């Protein structure tokens, strides 16, 4: 590990190097304490944490992203490559959680792409992040529901639209009610009910 020089105030018991060692110690209590201390270190810790995101070990990348995700200095572009490309599902999950904290409209396209992730937890966390972003995510979510290339992504996009409750989603929800998919129909019905349109889709006997 690179020996990072810290400019922490003298009353800090641990140096930056020691905090990084605690972060990767395998001891969860020590690691969580290190997360808090590294966040408090501010900009001083960022270069070291970014360096750790490039580590070959998935645990190292996870703890680095875990810390960056909670930092007020987080830039969402730091997380996107890990959400979309990291081989370890737990790292992709961590990136999705970090993006849910930030609520950045610029991440919508990447989060919608992540709805198709082979890891169901990652894709569900991406949906949760889109729900947190809210109305700014609606157009991309509507397009995802219309795109029939990934049924699982469509279901998650419809779930997000139901949670966001935006009237722009009504036409696509009505269209989905005609499809032969129990899950799609469930979320379309849920979305319409939340928008006060629960009687619209009921066909007369």
C-alpha atoms as a PDB file:
ATOM      1  CA  UNK A   1       0.000   0.000   0.000  1.00  0.00           C
ATOM      2  CA  UNK A   2       1.193   3.497  -0.813  1.00  0.00           C
ATOM      3  CA  UNK A   3       2.215   5.447   2.269  1.00  0.00           C
ATOM      4  CA  UNK A   4      -0.064   8.482   2.223  1.00  0.00           C
ATOM      5  CA  UNK A   5       1.008  11.517   4.195  1.00  0.00           C
ATOM      6  CA  UNK A   6      -1.775  13.037   6.232  1.00  0.00           C
ATOM      7  CA  UNK A   7      -2.398  16.651   7.132  1.00  0.00           C
ATOM      8  CA  UNK A   8      -4.847  15.738   9.878  1.00  0.00           C
ATOM      9  CA  UNK A   9      -4.854  17.946  12.986  1.00  0.00           C
ATOM     10  CA  UNK A  10      -2.340  16.823  15.629  1.00  0.00           C
ATOM     11  CA  UNK A  11      -5.045  15.719  18.062  1.00  0.00           C
ATOM     12  CA  UNK A  12      -6.001  12.828  15.729  1.00  0.00           C
ATOM     13  CA  UNK A  13      -4.682   9.645  17.265  1.00  0.00           C
ATOM     14  CA  UNK A  14      -4.448   7.703  13.981  1.00  0.00           C
ATOM     15  CA  UNK A  15      -2.589   8.810  10.881  1.00  0.00           C
ATOM     16  CA  UNK A  16      -4.184   8.514   7.477  1.00  0.00           C
ATOM     17  CA  UNK A  17      -2.064   5.465   6.755  1.00  0.00           C
ATOM     18  CA  UNK A  18      -3.269   3.796   9.956  1.00  0.00           C
ATOM     19  CA  UNK A  19      -6.890   4.601   9.125  1.00  0.00           C
ATOM     20  CA  UNK A  20      -6.497   2.981   5.723  1.00  0.00           C
ATOM     21  CA  UNK A  21      -5.012  -0.098   7.359  1.00  0.00           C
ATOM     22  CA  UNK A  22      -7.963  -0.242   9.756  1.00  0.00           C
ATOM     23  CA  UNK A  23     -10.349   0.135   6.806  1.00  0.00           C
ATOM     24  CA  UNK A  24      -8.868  -2.992   5.211  1.00  0.00           C
ATOM     25  CA  UNK A  25      -8.226  -4.896   8.438  1.00  0.00           C
ATOM     26  CA  UNK A  26     -11.078  -7.377   8.066  1.00  0.00           C
ATOM     27  CA  UNK A  27     -12.363  -6.259  11.485  1.00  0.00           C
ATOM     28  CA  UNK A  28     -15.771  -4.691  10.854  1.00  0.00           C
ATOM     29  CA  UNK A  29     -15.728  -2.493  13.962  1.00  0.00           C
ATOM     30  CA  UNK A  30     -12.284  -1.097  13.152  1.00  0.00           C
ATOM     31  CA  UNK A  31     -13.287  -0.614   9.530  1.00  0.00           C
ATOM     32  CA  UNK A  32     -16.519   1.249  10.384  1.00  0.00           C
ATOM     33  CA  UNK A  33     -14.628   3.513  12.790  1.00  0.00           C
ATOM     34  CA  UNK A  34     -12.119   4.177  10.030  1.00  0.00           C
ATOM     35  CA  UNK A  35     -14.944   5.086   7.625  1.00  0.00           C
ATOM     36  CA  UNK A  36     -16.139   7.825   9.981  1.00  0.00           C
ATOM     37  CA  UNK A  37     -12.630   9.137  10.613  1.00  0.00           C
ATOM     38  CA  UNK A  38     -11.738   9.159   6.923  1.00  0.00           C
ATOM     39  CA  UNK A  39     -14.908  11.079   6.091  1.00  0.00           C
ATOM     40  CA  UNK A  40     -14.032  13.613   8.786  1.00  0.00           C
ATOM     41  CA  UNK A  41     -10.581  13.919   7.197  1.00  0.00           C
ATOM     42  CA  UNK A  42     -12.236  15.541   4.195  1.00  0.00           C
ATOM     43  CA  UNK A  43     -10.237  16.176   1.042  1.00  0.00           C
ATOM     44  CA  UNK A  44      -7.089  14.855   2.689  1.00  0.00           C
ATOM     45  CA  UNK A  45      -8.371  11.263   2.420  1.00  0.00           C
ATOM     46  CA  UNK A  46      -9.899  11.399  -1.072  1.00  0.00           C
ATOM     47  CA  UNK A  47      -6.776  10.569  -3.169  1.00  0.00           C
ATOM     48  CA  UNK A  48      -6.041   7.502  -1.041  1.00  0.00           C
ATOM     49  CA  UNK A  49      -9.635   6.283  -1.247  1.00  0.00           C
ATOM     50  CA  UNK A  50      -9.752   6.764  -5.016  1.00  0.00           C
ATOM     51  CA  UNK A  51      -6.528   4.793  -5.256  1.00  0.00           C
ATOM     52  CA  UNK A  52      -8.113   1.949  -3.272  1.00  0.00           C
ATOM     53  CA  UNK A  53     -11.037   1.785  -5.723  1.00  0.00           C
ATOM     54  CA  UNK A  54      -8.513   0.479  -8.250  1.00  0.00           C
ATOM     55  CA  UNK A  55      -7.353  -2.343  -5.971  1.00  0.00           C
ATOM     56  CA  UNK A  56      -7.596  -5.891  -7.390  1.00  0.00           C
ATOM     57  CA  UNK A  57      -9.271  -7.067  -4.181  1.00  0.00           C
ATOM     58  CA  UNK A  58     -13.060  -6.602  -4.205  1.00  0.00           C
ATOM     59  CA  UNK A  59     -13.166  -6.021  -0.430  1.00  0.00           C
ATOM     60  CA  UNK A  60     -10.743  -3.119  -0.760  1.00  0.00           C
ATOM     61  CA  UNK A  61     -12.826  -1.569  -3.545  1.00  0.00           C
ATOM     62  CA  UNK A  62     -16.001  -2.068  -1.493  1.00  0.00           C
ATOM     63  CA  UNK A  63     -14.667  -0.317   1.602  1.00  0.00           C
ATOM     64  CA  UNK A  64     -13.239   2.523  -0.466  1.00  0.00           C
ATOM     65  CA  UNK A  65     -16.570   3.053  -2.242  1.00  0.00           C
ATOM     66  CA  UNK A  66     -18.460   2.663   1.034  1.00  0.00           C
ATOM     67  CA  UNK A  67     -16.443   5.560   2.471  1.00  0.00           C
ATOM     68  CA  UNK A  68     -16.601   7.750  -0.630  1.00  0.00           C
ATOM     69  CA  UNK A  69     -20.360   7.200  -0.938  1.00  0.00           C
ATOM     70  CA  UNK A  70     -20.955   8.745   2.482  1.00  0.00           C
ATOM     71  CA  UNK A  71     -18.542  11.620   2.022  1.00  0.00           C
ATOM     72  CA  UNK A  72     -20.084  15.057   1.382  1.00  0.00           C
ATOM     73  CA  UNK A  73     -17.268  15.485  -1.158  1.00  0.00           C
ATOM     74  CA  UNK A  74     -18.544  12.609  -3.295  1.00  0.00           C
ATOM     75  CA  UNK A  75     -18.650  13.154  -7.041  1.00  0.00           C
ATOM     76  CA  UNK A  76     -21.070  10.721  -8.638  1.00  0.00           C
ATOM     77  CA  UNK A  77     -18.777  10.091 -11.599  1.00  0.00           C
ATOM     78  CA  UNK A  78     -16.500   8.244  -9.180  1.00  0.00           C
ATOM     79  CA  UNK A  79     -19.209   5.603  -8.657  1.00  0.00           C
ATOM     80  CA  UNK A  80     -20.637   5.126 -12.156  1.00  0.00           C
ATOM     81  CA  UNK A  81     -17.820   2.906 -13.544  1.00  0.00           C
ATOM     82  CA  UNK A  82     -18.208   0.546 -10.584  1.00  0.00           C
ATOM     83  CA  UNK A  83     -22.004   0.418 -10.928  1.00  0.00           C
ATOM     84  CA  UNK A  84     -21.764  -0.586 -14.568  1.00  0.00           C
ATOM     85  CA  UNK A  85     -18.505  -2.484 -14.915  1.00  0.00           C
ATOM     86  CA  UNK A  86     -17.185  -3.923 -11.664  1.00  0.00           C
ATOM     87  CA  UNK A  87     -17.028  -7.735 -11.781  1.00  0.00           C
ATOM     88  CA  UNK A  88     -18.005  -8.066  -8.098  1.00  0.00           C
ATOM     89  CA  UNK A  89     -21.768  -7.736  -7.461  1.00  0.00           C
ATOM     90  CA  UNK A  90     -21.191  -6.439  -3.922  1.00  0.00           C
ATOM     91  CA  UNK A  91     -19.153  -3.564  -5.342  1.00  0.00           C
ATOM     92  CA  UNK A  92     -21.876  -2.743  -7.874  1.00  0.00           C
ATOM     93  CA  UNK A  93     -24.397  -2.815  -5.024  1.00  0.00           C
ATOM     94  CA  UNK A  94     -22.269  -0.412  -2.995  1.00  0.00           C
ATOM     95  CA  UNK A  95     -22.065   1.989  -5.941  1.00  0.00           C
ATOM     96  CA  UNK A  96     -25.851   1.881  -6.392  1.00  0.00           C
ATOM     97  CA  UNK A  97     -26.368   2.642  -2.701  1.00  0.00           C
ATOM     98  CA  UNK A  98     -23.992   5.583  -2.961  1.00  0.00           C
ATOM     99  CA  UNK A  99     -25.903   6.986  -5.923  1.00  0.00           C
ATOM    100  CA  UNK A 100     -29.153   6.670  -3.962  1.00  0.00           C
ATOM    101  CA  UNK A 101     -27.644   8.934  -1.312  1.00  0.00           C
ATOM    102  CA  UNK A 102     -26.613  11.625  -3.795  1.00  0.00           C
ATOM    103  CA  UNK A 103     -29.835  12.033  -5.877  1.00  0.00           C
ATOM    104  CA  UNK A 104     -27.973  13.315  -8.953  1.00  0.00           C
ATOM    105  CA  UNK A 105     -30.009  13.732 -12.151  1.00  0.00           C
ATOM    106  CA  UNK A 106     -26.889  13.143 -14.260  1.00  0.00           C
ATOM    107  CA  UNK A 107     -26.792   9.507 -13.080  1.00  0.00           C
ATOM    108  CA  UNK A 108     -30.228   8.578 -14.450  1.00  0.00           C
ATOM    109  CA  UNK A 109     -28.992   7.018 -17.695  1.00  0.00           C
ATOM    110  CA  UNK A 110     -26.460   4.818 -15.889  1.00  0.00           C
ATOM    111  CA  UNK A 111     -28.969   3.783 -13.224  1.00  0.00           C
ATOM    112  CA  UNK A 112     -31.528   2.816 -15.876  1.00  0.00           C
ATOM    113  CA  UNK A 113     -28.816   0.737 -17.550  1.00  0.00           C
ATOM    114  CA  UNK A 114     -28.170  -0.953 -14.208  1.00  0.00           C
ATOM    115  CA  UNK A 115     -31.814  -2.086 -14.052  1.00  0.00           C
ATOM    116  CA  UNK A 116     -30.686  -4.891 -16.364  1.00  0.00           C
ATOM    117  CA  UNK A 117     -27.887  -6.026 -14.049  1.00  0.00           C
ATOM    118  CA  UNK A 118     -27.681  -9.808 -13.665  1.00  0.00           C
ATOM    119  CA  UNK A 119     -27.472  -9.324  -9.892  1.00  0.00           C
ATOM    120  CA  UNK A 120     -31.015  -8.700  -8.641  1.00  0.00           C
ATOM    121  CA  UNK A 121     -29.897  -6.737  -5.590  1.00  0.00           C
ATOM    122  CA  UNK A 122     -27.891  -4.332  -7.751  1.00  0.00           C
ATOM    123  CA  UNK A 123     -30.801  -3.808 -10.137  1.00  0.00           C
ATOM    124  CA  UNK A 124     -33.244  -3.257  -7.263  1.00  0.00           C
ATOM    125  CA  UNK A 125     -30.882  -0.790  -5.599  1.00  0.00           C
ATOM    126  CA  UNK A 126     -30.591   1.055  -8.916  1.00  0.00           C
ATOM    127  CA  UNK A 127     -34.402   1.259  -9.030  1.00  0.00           C
ATOM    128  CA  UNK A 128     -34.421   2.649  -5.491  1.00  0.00           C
ATOM    129  CA  UNK A 129     -31.875   5.285  -6.514  1.00  0.00           C
ATOM    130  CA  UNK A 130     -34.078   6.316  -9.439  1.00  0.00           C
ATOM    131  CA  UNK A 131     -37.061   6.610  -7.108  1.00  0.00           C
ATOM    132  CA  UNK A 132     -35.004   8.926  -4.894  1.00  0.00           C
ATOM    133  CA  UNK A 133     -34.151  11.084  -7.924  1.00  0.00           C
ATOM    134  CA  UNK A 134     -37.864  11.293  -8.636  1.00  0.00           C
ATOM    135  CA  UNK A 135     -39.481  13.264 -11.452  1.00  0.00           C
ATOM    136  CA  UNK A 136     -36.197  13.912 -13.275  1.00  0.00           C
ATOM    137  CA  UNK A 137     -35.945  10.158 -13.853  1.00  0.00           C
ATOM    138  CA  UNK A 138     -39.454   9.734 -15.297  1.00  0.00           C
ATOM    139  CA  UNK A 139     -38.745  10.189 -19.051  1.00  0.00           C
ATOM    140  CA  UNK A 140     -35.909   7.641 -19.005  1.00  0.00           C
ATOM    141  CA  UNK A 141     -38.012   5.199 -16.970  1.00  0.00           C
ATOM    142  CA  UNK A 142     -40.892   5.486 -19.437  1.00  0.00           C
ATOM    143  CA  UNK A 143     -38.531   4.690 -22.312  1.00  0.00           C
ATOM    144  CA  UNK A 144     -37.215   1.704 -20.364  1.00  0.00           C
ATOM    145  CA  UNK A 145     -40.737   0.311 -19.963  1.00  0.00           C
ATOM    146  CA  UNK A 146     -41.349   0.759 -23.689  1.00  0.00           C
ATOM    147  CA  UNK A 147     -38.104  -1.045 -24.572  1.00  0.00           C
ATOM    148  CA  UNK A 148     -38.902  -4.755 -24.507  1.00  0.00           C
ATOM    149  CA  UNK A 149     -35.296  -5.978 -24.602  1.00  0.00           C
ATOM    150  CA  UNK A 150     -35.210  -6.680 -20.838  1.00  0.00           C
ATOM    151  CA  UNK A 151     -38.364  -7.761 -19.041  1.00  0.00           C
ATOM    152  CA  UNK A 152     -36.744  -7.525 -15.601  1.00  0.00           C
ATOM    153  CA  UNK A 153     -35.647  -3.936 -16.287  1.00  0.00           C
ATOM    154  CA  UNK A 154     -39.167  -3.050 -17.469  1.00  0.00           C
ATOM    155  CA  UNK A 155     -40.671  -4.398 -14.251  1.00  0.00           C
ATOM    156  CA  UNK A 156     -38.245  -2.414 -12.103  1.00  0.00           C
ATOM    157  CA  UNK A 157     -38.773   0.731 -14.171  1.00  0.00           C
ATOM    158  CA  UNK A 158     -42.533   0.384 -13.760  1.00  0.00           C
ATOM    159  CA  UNK A 159     -42.098  -0.139 -10.022  1.00  0.00           C
ATOM    160  CA  UNK A 160     -40.075   3.071  -9.882  1.00  0.00           C
ATOM    161  CA  UNK A 161     -42.722   4.954 -11.857  1.00  0.00           C
ATOM    162  CA  UNK A 162     -45.426   3.679  -9.506  1.00  0.00           C
ATOM    163  CA  UNK A 163     -43.426   4.961  -6.536  1.00  0.00           C
ATOM    164  CA  UNK A 164     -42.673   8.353  -8.125  1.00  0.00           C
ATOM    165  CA  UNK A 165     -46.345   8.989  -9.016  1.00  0.00           C
ATOM    166  CA  UNK A 166     -45.928  11.199 -12.058  1.00  0.00           C
ATOM    167  CA  UNK A 167     -48.862  11.660 -14.432  1.00  0.00           C
ATOM    168  CA  UNK A 168     -46.564  11.428 -17.466  1.00  0.00           C
ATOM    169  CA  UNK A 169     -46.379   7.688 -16.839  1.00  0.00           C
ATOM    170  CA  UNK A 170     -50.142   7.106 -17.209  1.00  0.00           C
ATOM    171  CA  UNK A 171     -50.117   6.231 -20.947  1.00  0.00           C
ATOM    172  CA  UNK A 172     -47.382   3.619 -20.608  1.00  0.00           C
ATOM    173  CA  UNK A 173     -49.084   2.149 -17.537  1.00  0.00           C
ATOM    174  CA  UNK A 174     -52.317   1.831 -19.502  1.00  0.00           C
ATOM    175  CA  UNK A 175     -50.468   0.119 -22.357  1.00  0.00           C
ATOM    176  CA  UNK A 176     -48.829  -2.342 -19.983  1.00  0.00           C
ATOM    177  CA  UNK A 177     -52.220  -3.355 -18.576  1.00  0.00           C
ATOM    178  CA  UNK A 178     -52.863  -5.010 -21.958  1.00  0.00           C
ATOM    179  CA  UNK A 179     -49.732  -7.189 -21.735  1.00  0.00           C
ATOM    180  CA  UNK A 180     -49.679 -10.767 -20.543  1.00  0.00           C
ATOM    181  CA  UNK A 181     -47.360 -10.257 -17.564  1.00  0.00           C
ATOM    182  CA  UNK A 182     -48.567 -10.532 -13.988  1.00  0.00           C
ATOM    183  CA  UNK A 183     -45.726  -8.424 -12.570  1.00  0.00           C
ATOM    184  CA  UNK A 184     -46.019  -5.689 -15.177  1.00  0.00           C
ATOM    185  CA  UNK A 185     -49.778  -5.561 -14.657  1.00  0.00           C
ATOM    186  CA  UNK A 186     -49.287  -5.457 -10.890  1.00  0.00           C
ATOM    187  CA  UNK A 187     -47.033  -2.388 -10.993  1.00  0.00           C
ATOM    188  CA  UNK A 188     -49.121  -0.681 -13.660  1.00  0.00           C
ATOM    189  CA  UNK A 189     -52.226  -1.195 -11.531  1.00  0.00           C
ATOM    190  CA  UNK A 190     -50.363   0.006  -8.437  1.00  0.00           C
ATOM    191  CA  UNK A 191     -49.149   3.105 -10.261  1.00  0.00           C
ATOM    192  CA  UNK A 192     -52.588   3.969 -11.592  1.00  0.00           C
ATOM    193  CA  UNK A 193     -54.147   3.504  -8.158  1.00  0.00           C
ATOM    194  CA  UNK A 194     -51.579   5.813  -6.587  1.00  0.00           C
ATOM    195  CA  UNK A 195     -52.433   8.412  -9.210  1.00  0.00           C
ATOM    196  CA  UNK A 196     -56.117   8.110  -8.373  1.00  0.00           C
ATOM    197  CA  UNK A 197     -57.006   6.339 -11.610  1.00  0.00           C
ATOM    198  CA  UNK A 198     -57.876   2.927 -10.190  1.00  0.00           C
ATOM    199  CA  UNK A 199     -61.232   2.777 -12.044  1.00  0.00           C
ATOM    200  CA  UNK A 200     -59.898   3.690 -15.473  1.00  0.00           C
ATOM    201  CA  UNK A 201     -58.353   0.335 -16.352  1.00  0.00           C
ATOM    202  CA  UNK A 202     -61.251  -1.879 -15.181  1.00  0.00           C
ATOM    203  CA  UNK A 203     -62.914  -3.458 -18.193  1.00  0.00           C
ATOM    204  CA  UNK A 204     -66.696  -3.765 -18.115  1.00  0.00           C
ATOM    205  CA  UNK A 205     -68.057  -7.281 -17.749  1.00  0.00           C
END
